[in-house]
Amino acid sequence: MMLPLLNNRPLGHFMSTFLRYSFLSGLLALTFLLVPVKVANADELSTSQRAEINKMIEQYIMENPRVILEAVQRMQAQEEEDKLTRAKENLVAYREQLVNDPRAPIGGNPDGDVTIVEFFDYRCGYCKRVSPTVERAVKEDGNVRVVYKEFPILGPESVLAARASLAIWRLAPDKYMDFHKDLMDSRGGVSMGKIAAVAKKIGLDNDLLVKEMKSPEIDSDLRNNYELAQSLGISGTPAFVIGGELVPGAVDFDTLKNLINQARGS
């Protein structure tokens, strides 16, 4: 798997650099505690003293290489804990944007007492797999509302599908679910030809659709969805928010039903 990029450089490069300097800084601080250097702070060290300490640090690392792995593992564990904490806090902070965004497509019962928020991509195989599960839960319960957050992360075709979907929601909200289901049930790539065929099937003018797909409001909607996903630590699809729970990945029907009952307080 290719490492993600940061400023056009592999993220691994920045991580290794960060770890190297963070670790050496920590060892340097430890050395000051263990070595009787008679100075007030690091700025007062002479060149020879710095060289001596650097040599001691290098020797310590060579003799105890496992401490590097342990330090990385502790850092990763702490980062994961911090990430989960931030996500939980942001579930509360962005509750209105998640559940009551007036521009987000809505499915199920608009007046349902439980809301499922789904971040999805039309080219995501797991999203396609879980789609019938969400449909079943909505149909069998009858009191579930679904907020669809278009989150196209799998390339240009994903973005094309998301733009078409949001355009249909803006032009003809009553046709959104037909379009959504048709694309979720389809296989293969997404092209304007496929979108035009689906639009024709559900009785929507293709020229009007193409024009609406270029709307700057759709740019804004997608940007907001990306930012919201980032604030919640969502990096893949599908991902669900149900009640106060963030649930990544494709869930089975029983799990989804239990989450709905839990959100309802059953």
C-alpha atoms as a PDB file:
ATOM      1  CA  MET A   1       0.000   0.000   0.000  1.00  0.00           C
ATOM      2  CA  MET A   2       1.369   3.431  -0.925  1.00  0.00           C
ATOM      3  CA  LEU A   3       2.029   5.751   1.981  1.00  0.00           C
ATOM      4  CA  PRO A   4      -0.024   8.965   2.013  1.00  0.00           C
ATOM      5  CA  LEU A   5       1.702  12.162   0.971  1.00  0.00           C
ATOM      6  CA  LEU A   6       2.302  15.320   2.952  1.00  0.00           C
ATOM      7  CA  ASN A   7       3.550  18.286   0.934  1.00  0.00           C
ATOM      8  CA  ASN A   8       4.349  15.843  -1.898  1.00  0.00           C
ATOM      9  CA  ARG A   9       6.626  13.781   0.338  1.00  0.00           C
ATOM     10  CA  PRO A  10       5.814  10.382   1.886  1.00  0.00           C
ATOM     11  CA  LEU A  11       4.300  10.665   5.332  1.00  0.00           C
ATOM     12  CA  GLY A  12       6.752   8.004   6.481  1.00  0.00           C
ATOM     13  CA  HIS A  13       9.612  10.438   5.812  1.00  0.00           C
ATOM     14  CA  PHE A  14       8.155  13.021   8.163  1.00  0.00           C
ATOM     15  CA  MET A  15       7.317  10.411  10.787  1.00  0.00           C
ATOM     16  CA  SER A  16      10.824   8.954  10.769  1.00  0.00           C
ATOM     17  CA  THR A  17      12.337  12.425  11.022  1.00  0.00           C
ATOM     18  CA  PHE A  18       9.983  13.404  13.811  1.00  0.00           C
ATOM     19  CA  LEU A  19      10.640  10.202  15.747  1.00  0.00           C
ATOM     20  CA  ARG A  20      14.377  10.526  15.341  1.00  0.00           C
ATOM     21  CA  TYR A  21      14.545  14.032  16.713  1.00  0.00           C
ATOM     22  CA  SER A  22      11.882  13.491  19.367  1.00  0.00           C
ATOM     23  CA  PHE A  23      13.611  10.375  20.597  1.00  0.00           C
ATOM     24  CA  LEU A  24      17.053  11.964  20.652  1.00  0.00           C
ATOM     25  CA  SER A  25      15.656  14.995  22.447  1.00  0.00           C
ATOM     26  CA  GLY A  26      14.163  12.727  25.074  1.00  0.00           C
ATOM     27  CA  LEU A  27      17.422  10.873  25.515  1.00  0.00           C
ATOM     28  CA  LEU A  28      19.285  14.155  25.750  1.00  0.00           C
ATOM     29  CA  ALA A  29      17.000  15.259  28.562  1.00  0.00           C
ATOM     30  CA  LEU A  30      17.520  11.916  30.287  1.00  0.00           C
ATOM     31  CA  THR A  31      21.267  12.288  29.904  1.00  0.00           C
ATOM     32  CA  PHE A  32      21.185  15.606  31.734  1.00  0.00           C
ATOM     33  CA  LEU A  33      19.622  13.805  34.682  1.00  0.00           C
ATOM     34  CA  LEU A  34      22.117  10.965  34.674  1.00  0.00           C
ATOM     35  CA  VAL A  35      25.343  12.697  33.710  1.00  0.00           C
ATOM     36  CA  PRO A  36      26.901  15.203  36.152  1.00  0.00           C
ATOM     37  CA  VAL A  37      27.234  18.089  33.694  1.00  0.00           C
ATOM     38  CA  LYS A  38      27.878  21.255  35.695  1.00  0.00           C
ATOM     39  CA  VAL A  39      25.863  23.671  33.571  1.00  0.00           C
ATOM     40  CA  ALA A  40      22.530  25.390  34.062  1.00  0.00           C
ATOM     41  CA  ASN A  41      21.051  24.496  30.680  1.00  0.00           C
ATOM     42  CA  ALA A  42      21.831  23.060  27.265  1.00  0.00           C
ATOM     43  CA  ASP A  43      22.751  26.447  25.820  1.00  0.00           C
ATOM     44  CA  GLU A  44      25.807  26.561  28.080  1.00  0.00           C
ATOM     45  CA  LEU A  45      27.271  23.282  26.792  1.00  0.00           C
ATOM     46  CA  SER A  46      30.572  23.519  24.974  1.00  0.00           C
ATOM     47  CA  THR A  47      31.156  21.868  21.623  1.00  0.00           C
ATOM     48  CA  SER A  48      33.133  19.080  23.258  1.00  0.00           C
ATOM     49  CA  GLN A  49      30.411  18.484  25.851  1.00  0.00           C
ATOM     50  CA  ARG A  50      27.779  18.280  23.134  1.00  0.00           C
ATOM     51  CA  ALA A  51      29.900  15.826  21.179  1.00  0.00           C
ATOM     52  CA  GLU A  52      30.376  13.691  24.285  1.00  0.00           C
ATOM     53  CA  ILE A  53      26.656  13.617  25.031  1.00  0.00           C
ATOM     54  CA  ASN A  54      25.802  12.789  21.402  1.00  0.00           C
ATOM     55  CA  LYS A  55      28.267   9.902  21.573  1.00  0.00           C
ATOM     56  CA  MET A  56      26.664   8.646  24.793  1.00  0.00           C
ATOM     57  CA  ILE A  57      23.209   8.828  23.203  1.00  0.00           C
ATOM     58  CA  GLU A  58      24.394   6.913  20.147  1.00  0.00           C
ATOM     59  CA  GLN A  59      25.989   4.261  22.343  1.00  0.00           C
ATOM     60  CA  TYR A  60      22.830   3.952  24.429  1.00  0.00           C
ATOM     61  CA  ILE A  61      20.701   3.424  21.326  1.00  0.00           C
ATOM     62  CA  MET A  62      23.094   0.819  19.934  1.00  0.00           C
ATOM     63  CA  GLU A  63      23.075  -1.079  23.232  1.00  0.00           C
ATOM     64  CA  ASN A  64      19.303  -0.742  23.778  1.00  0.00           C
ATOM     65  CA  PRO A  65      17.654  -0.696  20.311  1.00  0.00           C
ATOM     66  CA  ARG A  66      14.352  -1.965  21.687  1.00  0.00           C
ATOM     67  CA  VAL A  67      13.666   1.349  23.424  1.00  0.00           C
ATOM     68  CA  ILE A  68      13.047   2.901  20.003  1.00  0.00           C
ATOM     69  CA  LEU A  69      10.293   0.397  19.217  1.00  0.00           C
ATOM     70  CA  GLU A  70       8.793   0.795  22.684  1.00  0.00           C
ATOM     71  CA  ALA A  71       8.818   4.589  22.339  1.00  0.00           C
ATOM     72  CA  VAL A  72       7.080   4.373  18.952  1.00  0.00           C
ATOM     73  CA  GLN A  73       4.471   1.956  20.307  1.00  0.00           C
ATOM     74  CA  ARG A  74       3.722   4.219  23.266  1.00  0.00           C
ATOM     75  CA  MET A  75       3.447   7.207  20.976  1.00  0.00           C
ATOM     76  CA  GLN A  76       1.076   5.363  18.618  1.00  0.00           C
ATOM     77  CA  ALA A  77      -1.086   4.194  21.519  1.00  0.00           C
ATOM     78  CA  GLN A  78      -1.286   7.739  22.870  1.00  0.00           C
ATOM     79  CA  GLU A  79      -2.111   9.138  19.434  1.00  0.00           C
ATOM     80  CA  GLU A  80      -4.912   6.598  18.999  1.00  0.00           C
ATOM     81  CA  GLU A  81      -6.314   7.433  22.421  1.00  0.00           C
ATOM     82  CA  ASP A  82      -6.168  11.152  21.633  1.00  0.00           C
ATOM     83  CA  LYS A  83      -7.858  10.541  18.281  1.00  0.00           C
ATOM     84  CA  LEU A  84     -10.753   8.662  19.895  1.00  0.00           C
ATOM     85  CA  THR A  85     -11.157  11.361  22.517  1.00  0.00           C
ATOM     86  CA  ARG A  86     -11.281  14.102  19.880  1.00  0.00           C
ATOM     87  CA  ALA A  87     -13.769  12.106  17.798  1.00  0.00           C
ATOM     88  CA  LYS A  88     -16.117  11.669  20.765  1.00  0.00           C
ATOM     89  CA  GLU A  89     -15.906  15.354  21.595  1.00  0.00           C
ATOM     90  CA  ASN A  90     -16.584  16.301  17.979  1.00  0.00           C
ATOM     91  CA  LEU A  91     -19.599  13.985  17.779  1.00  0.00           C
ATOM     92  CA  VAL A  92     -21.174  16.323  20.304  1.00  0.00           C
ATOM     93  CA  ALA A  93     -19.730  19.546  18.896  1.00  0.00           C
ATOM     94  CA  TYR A  94     -20.888  18.805  15.328  1.00  0.00           C
ATOM     95  CA  ARG A  95     -24.155  17.100  16.210  1.00  0.00           C
ATOM     96  CA  GLU A  96     -26.338  19.617  14.366  1.00  0.00           C
ATOM     97  CA  GLN A  97     -24.169  19.501  11.242  1.00  0.00           C
ATOM     98  CA  LEU A  98     -24.337  15.710  11.270  1.00  0.00           C
ATOM     99  CA  VAL A  99     -28.037  15.255  11.930  1.00  0.00           C
ATOM    100  CA  ASN A 100     -29.770  18.435  10.757  1.00  0.00           C
ATOM    101  CA  ASP A 101     -27.765  19.733   7.810  1.00  0.00           C
ATOM    102  CA  PRO A 102     -30.505  21.252   5.608  1.00  0.00           C
ATOM    103  CA  ARG A 103     -28.502  20.519   2.441  1.00  0.00           C
ATOM    104  CA  ALA A 104     -27.798  16.856   3.100  1.00  0.00           C
ATOM    105  CA  PRO A 105     -29.907  14.175   1.375  1.00  0.00           C
ATOM    106  CA  ILE A 106     -32.420  12.465   3.653  1.00  0.00           C
ATOM    107  CA  GLY A 107     -33.829   8.951   3.366  1.00  0.00           C
ATOM    108  CA  GLY A 108     -36.108   6.753   5.435  1.00  0.00           C
ATOM    109  CA  ASN A 109     -38.696   8.439   7.628  1.00  0.00           C
ATOM    110  CA  PRO A 110     -37.926  12.198   7.668  1.00  0.00           C
ATOM    111  CA  ASP A 111     -39.610  12.398  11.079  1.00  0.00           C
ATOM    112  CA  GLY A 112     -37.933   9.295  12.501  1.00  0.00           C
ATOM    113  CA  ASP A 113     -36.891   9.289  16.137  1.00  0.00           C
ATOM    114  CA  VAL A 114     -33.466   7.788  15.362  1.00  0.00           C
ATOM    115  CA  THR A 115     -31.049   9.168  12.766  1.00  0.00           C
ATOM    116  CA  ILE A 116     -28.392   7.158  10.975  1.00  0.00           C
ATOM    117  CA  VAL A 117     -25.679   9.315   9.403  1.00  0.00           C
ATOM    118  CA  GLU A 118     -23.762   7.452   6.710  1.00  0.00           C
ATOM    119  CA  PHE A 119     -20.513   8.594   5.104  1.00  0.00           C
ATOM    120  CA  PHE A 120     -20.205   6.664   1.846  1.00  0.00           C
ATOM    121  CA  ASP A 121     -18.631   6.455  -1.594  1.00  0.00           C
ATOM    122  CA  TYR A 122     -20.509   5.073  -4.615  1.00  0.00           C
ATOM    123  CA  ARG A 123     -17.416   3.154  -5.736  1.00  0.00           C
ATOM    124  CA  CYS A 124     -16.818   1.579  -2.322  1.00  0.00           C
ATOM    125  CA  GLY A 125     -17.493  -2.169  -2.368  1.00  0.00           C
ATOM    126  CA  TYR A 126     -18.220  -2.235   1.359  1.00  0.00           C
ATOM    127  CA  CYS A 127     -20.733   0.606   0.940  1.00  0.00           C
ATOM    128  CA  LYS A 128     -22.495  -1.399  -1.748  1.00  0.00           C
ATOM    129  CA  ARG A 129     -22.470  -4.446   0.499  1.00  0.00           C
ATOM    130  CA  VAL A 130     -24.002  -2.635   3.471  1.00  0.00           C
ATOM    131  CA  SER A 131     -26.569  -0.671   1.460  1.00  0.00           C
ATOM    132  CA  PRO A 132     -29.234  -3.438   1.531  1.00  0.00           C
ATOM    133  CA  THR A 133     -28.668  -3.733   5.297  1.00  0.00           C
ATOM    134  CA  VAL A 134     -29.468  -0.052   5.792  1.00  0.00           C
ATOM    135  CA  GLU A 135     -32.501  -0.384   3.503  1.00  0.00           C
ATOM    136  CA  ARG A 136     -33.769  -3.348   5.494  1.00  0.00           C
ATOM    137  CA  ALA A 137     -33.341  -1.561   8.809  1.00  0.00           C
ATOM    138  CA  VAL A 138     -35.235   1.469   7.510  1.00  0.00           C
ATOM    139  CA  LYS A 139     -38.043  -0.664   6.078  1.00  0.00           C
ATOM    140  CA  GLU A 140     -38.503  -2.973   9.053  1.00  0.00           C
ATOM    141  CA  ASP A 141     -38.254  -0.267  11.707  1.00  0.00           C
ATOM    142  CA  GLY A 142     -40.293   2.428   9.983  1.00  0.00           C
ATOM    143  CA  ASN A 143     -39.120   5.127  12.358  1.00  0.00           C
ATOM    144  CA  VAL A 144     -35.513   5.563  11.219  1.00  0.00           C
ATOM    145  CA  ARG A 145     -34.188   8.596   9.386  1.00  0.00           C
ATOM    146  CA  VAL A 146     -31.007   8.404   7.264  1.00  0.00           C
ATOM    147  CA  VAL A 147     -28.697  11.335   6.481  1.00  0.00           C
ATOM    148  CA  TYR A 148     -26.455  10.588   3.506  1.00  0.00           C
ATOM    149  CA  LYS A 149     -23.034  12.234   3.612  1.00  0.00           C
ATOM    150  CA  GLU A 150     -21.409  11.987   0.189  1.00  0.00           C
ATOM    151  CA  PHE A 151     -17.744  11.262   0.906  1.00  0.00           C
ATOM    152  CA  PRO A 152     -16.035  10.485  -2.432  1.00  0.00           C
ATOM    153  CA  ILE A 153     -12.516   9.341  -1.609  1.00  0.00           C
ATOM    154  CA  LEU A 154     -11.826   6.716  -4.273  1.00  0.00           C
ATOM    155  CA  GLY A 155     -10.968   8.899  -7.217  1.00  0.00           C
ATOM    156  CA  PRO A 156     -12.526  11.076  -9.934  1.00  0.00           C
ATOM    157  CA  GLU A 157     -15.363   8.642 -10.675  1.00  0.00           C
ATOM    158  CA  SER A 158     -16.401   8.774  -7.025  1.00  0.00           C
ATOM    159  CA  VAL A 159     -16.488  12.573  -7.176  1.00  0.00           C
ATOM    160  CA  LEU A 160     -18.490  12.457 -10.416  1.00  0.00           C
ATOM    161  CA  ALA A 161     -21.085  10.171  -8.840  1.00  0.00           C
ATOM    162  CA  ALA A 162     -21.293  12.301  -5.690  1.00  0.00           C
ATOM    163  CA  ARG A 163     -21.787  15.490  -7.708  1.00  0.00           C
ATOM    164  CA  ALA A 164     -24.570  13.864  -9.730  1.00  0.00           C
ATOM    165  CA  SER A 165     -26.219  12.549  -6.596  1.00  0.00           C
ATOM    166  CA  LEU A 166     -26.167  15.922  -4.836  1.00  0.00           C
ATOM    167  CA  ALA A 167     -27.405  17.616  -8.010  1.00  0.00           C
ATOM    168  CA  ILE A 168     -30.397  15.286  -8.118  1.00  0.00           C
ATOM    169  CA  TRP A 169     -31.116  16.024  -4.458  1.00  0.00           C
ATOM    170  CA  ARG A 170     -31.145  19.727  -5.282  1.00  0.00           C
ATOM    171  CA  LEU A 171     -33.263  19.351  -8.427  1.00  0.00           C
ATOM    172  CA  ALA A 172     -35.677  16.583  -7.476  1.00  0.00           C
ATOM    173  CA  PRO A 173     -35.342  15.307  -3.890  1.00  0.00           C
ATOM    174  CA  ASP A 174     -38.074  12.727  -4.470  1.00  0.00           C
ATOM    175  CA  LYS A 175     -35.853  11.020  -7.065  1.00  0.00           C
ATOM    176  CA  TYR A 176     -32.699  10.934  -4.942  1.00  0.00           C
ATOM    177  CA  MET A 177     -33.274   7.520  -3.375  1.00  0.00           C
ATOM    178  CA  ASP A 178     -34.006   5.944  -6.773  1.00  0.00           C
ATOM    179  CA  PHE A 179     -30.716   7.298  -8.113  1.00  0.00           C
ATOM    180  CA  HIS A 180     -28.856   6.321  -4.939  1.00  0.00           C
ATOM    181  CA  LYS A 181     -30.143   2.754  -5.030  1.00  0.00           C
ATOM    182  CA  ASP A 182     -29.460   2.383  -8.750  1.00  0.00           C
ATOM    183  CA  LEU A 183     -25.821   3.441  -8.370  1.00  0.00           C
ATOM    184  CA  MET A 184     -25.335   1.340  -5.251  1.00  0.00           C
ATOM    185  CA  ASP A 185     -26.716  -1.719  -7.049  1.00  0.00           C
ATOM    186  CA  SER A 186     -24.597  -1.133 -10.159  1.00  0.00           C
ATOM    187  CA  ARG A 187     -21.235  -2.731 -10.825  1.00  0.00           C
ATOM    188  CA  GLY A 188     -18.190  -1.383 -12.598  1.00  0.00           C
ATOM    189  CA  GLY A 189     -17.062   2.197 -12.982  1.00  0.00           C
ATOM    190  CA  VAL A 190     -19.104   5.378 -12.963  1.00  0.00           C
ATOM    191  CA  SER A 191     -19.269   7.486 -16.124  1.00  0.00           C
ATOM    192  CA  MET A 192     -21.431  10.312 -17.394  1.00  0.00           C
ATOM    193  CA  GLY A 193     -22.991   7.741 -19.707  1.00  0.00           C
ATOM    194  CA  LYS A 194     -24.084   5.613 -16.766  1.00  0.00           C
ATOM    195  CA  ILE A 195     -25.296   8.677 -14.864  1.00  0.00           C
ATOM    196  CA  ALA A 196     -27.267   9.856 -17.911  1.00  0.00           C
ATOM    197  CA  ALA A 197     -28.850   6.417 -18.279  1.00  0.00           C
ATOM    198  CA  VAL A 198     -29.942   6.379 -14.638  1.00  0.00           C
ATOM    199  CA  ALA A 199     -31.217   9.961 -14.899  1.00  0.00           C
ATOM    200  CA  LYS A 200     -33.296   9.011 -17.926  1.00  0.00           C
ATOM    201  CA  LYS A 201     -34.597   5.940 -16.137  1.00  0.00           C
ATOM    202  CA  ILE A 202     -35.892   7.995 -13.218  1.00  0.00           C
ATOM    203  CA  GLY A 203     -37.286  10.719 -15.478  1.00  0.00           C
ATOM    204  CA  LEU A 204     -34.770  13.516 -14.996  1.00  0.00           C
ATOM    205  CA  ASP A 205     -33.533  15.841 -17.730  1.00  0.00           C
ATOM    206  CA  ASN A 206     -29.848  15.102 -18.349  1.00  0.00           C
ATOM    207  CA  ASP A 207     -28.894  18.591 -19.559  1.00  0.00           C
ATOM    208  CA  LEU A 208     -30.374  20.109 -16.417  1.00  0.00           C
ATOM    209  CA  LEU A 209     -28.532  17.550 -14.308  1.00  0.00           C
ATOM    210  CA  VAL A 210     -25.163  18.256 -15.957  1.00  0.00           C
ATOM    211  CA  LYS A 211     -25.623  21.976 -15.393  1.00  0.00           C
ATOM    212  CA  GLU A 212     -26.492  21.505 -11.722  1.00  0.00           C
ATOM    213  CA  MET A 213     -23.513  19.218 -11.172  1.00  0.00           C
ATOM    214  CA  LYS A 214     -21.277  22.241 -11.777  1.00  0.00           C
ATOM    215  CA  SER A 215     -22.939  24.246  -9.023  1.00  0.00           C
ATOM    216  CA  PRO A 216     -20.496  25.894  -6.547  1.00  0.00           C
ATOM    217  CA  GLU A 217     -22.908  24.902  -3.775  1.00  0.00           C
ATOM    218  CA  ILE A 218     -22.038  21.273  -4.478  1.00  0.00           C
ATOM    219  CA  ASP A 219     -18.342  22.131  -4.146  1.00  0.00           C
ATOM    220  CA  SER A 220     -19.165  23.598  -0.749  1.00  0.00           C
ATOM    221  CA  ASP A 221     -21.205  20.559   0.308  1.00  0.00           C
ATOM    222  CA  LEU A 222     -18.405  18.140  -0.553  1.00  0.00           C
ATOM    223  CA  ARG A 223     -15.800  20.309   1.143  1.00  0.00           C
ATOM    224  CA  ASN A 224     -17.926  20.443   4.291  1.00  0.00           C
ATOM    225  CA  ASN A 225     -18.307  16.662   4.258  1.00  0.00           C
ATOM    226  CA  TYR A 226     -14.549  16.172   3.955  1.00  0.00           C
ATOM    227  CA  GLU A 227     -13.902  18.550   6.844  1.00  0.00           C
ATOM    228  CA  LEU A 228     -16.581  16.939   8.987  1.00  0.00           C
ATOM    229  CA  ALA A 229     -15.180  13.473   8.323  1.00  0.00           C
ATOM    230  CA  GLN A 230     -11.694  14.669   9.217  1.00  0.00           C
ATOM    231  CA  SER A 231     -12.909  16.179  12.491  1.00  0.00           C
ATOM    232  CA  LEU A 232     -14.408  12.795  13.403  1.00  0.00           C
ATOM    233  CA  GLY A 233     -11.335  10.816  12.392  1.00  0.00           C
ATOM    234  CA  ILE A 234     -13.170   9.151   9.487  1.00  0.00           C
ATOM    235  CA  SER A 235     -10.742   8.107   6.767  1.00  0.00           C
ATOM    236  CA  GLY A 236     -12.641   5.299   5.050  1.00  0.00           C
ATOM    237  CA  THR A 237     -16.090   4.251   3.937  1.00  0.00           C
ATOM    238  CA  PRO A 238     -18.632   3.344   5.012  1.00  0.00           C
ATOM    239  CA  ALA A 239     -18.771   5.028   8.397  1.00  0.00           C
ATOM    240  CA  PHE A 240     -21.896   5.512  10.497  1.00  0.00           C
ATOM    241  CA  VAL A 241     -22.903   7.850  13.263  1.00  0.00           C
ATOM    242  CA  ILE A 242     -25.852   6.496  15.233  1.00  0.00           C
ATOM    243  CA  GLY A 243     -26.838   8.271  18.401  1.00  0.00           C
ATOM    244  CA  GLY A 244     -23.591   9.014  20.182  1.00  0.00           C
ATOM    245  CA  GLU A 245     -21.649   6.232  18.484  1.00  0.00           C
ATOM    246  CA  LEU A 246     -19.214   6.411  15.582  1.00  0.00           C
ATOM    247  CA  VAL A 247     -19.132   3.052  13.818  1.00  0.00           C
ATOM    248  CA  PRO A 248     -16.584   2.556  11.023  1.00  0.00           C
ATOM    249  CA  GLY A 249     -16.997  -0.186   8.446  1.00  0.00           C
ATOM    250  CA  ALA A 250     -19.807  -2.292   7.043  1.00  0.00           C
ATOM    251  CA  VAL A 251     -21.997  -3.535   9.899  1.00  0.00           C
ATOM    252  CA  ASP A 252     -24.344  -6.508   9.792  1.00  0.00           C
ATOM    253  CA  PHE A 253     -28.083  -6.203  10.322  1.00  0.00           C
ATOM    254  CA  ASP A 254     -28.131  -7.321  13.959  1.00  0.00           C
ATOM    255  CA  THR A 255     -25.392  -4.847  14.879  1.00  0.00           C
ATOM    256  CA  LEU A 256     -27.209  -2.034  13.089  1.00  0.00           C
ATOM    257  CA  LYS A 257     -30.482  -2.934  14.772  1.00  0.00           C
ATOM    258  CA  ASN A 258     -28.831  -2.981  18.198  1.00  0.00           C
ATOM    259  CA  LEU A 259     -27.262   0.425  17.564  1.00  0.00           C
ATOM    260  CA  ILE A 260     -30.652   1.832  16.581  1.00  0.00           C
ATOM    261  CA  ASN A 261     -32.265   0.422  19.727  1.00  0.00           C
ATOM    262  CA  GLN A 262     -29.431   1.743  21.822  1.00  0.00           C
ATOM    263  CA  ALA A 263     -29.826   5.218  20.314  1.00  0.00           C
ATOM    264  CA  ARG A 264     -33.540   5.040  20.982  1.00  0.00           C
ATOM    265  CA  GLY A 265     -32.928   3.964  24.551  1.00  0.00           C
ATOM    266  CA  SER A 266     -34.557   0.566  24.148  1.00  0.00           C
END
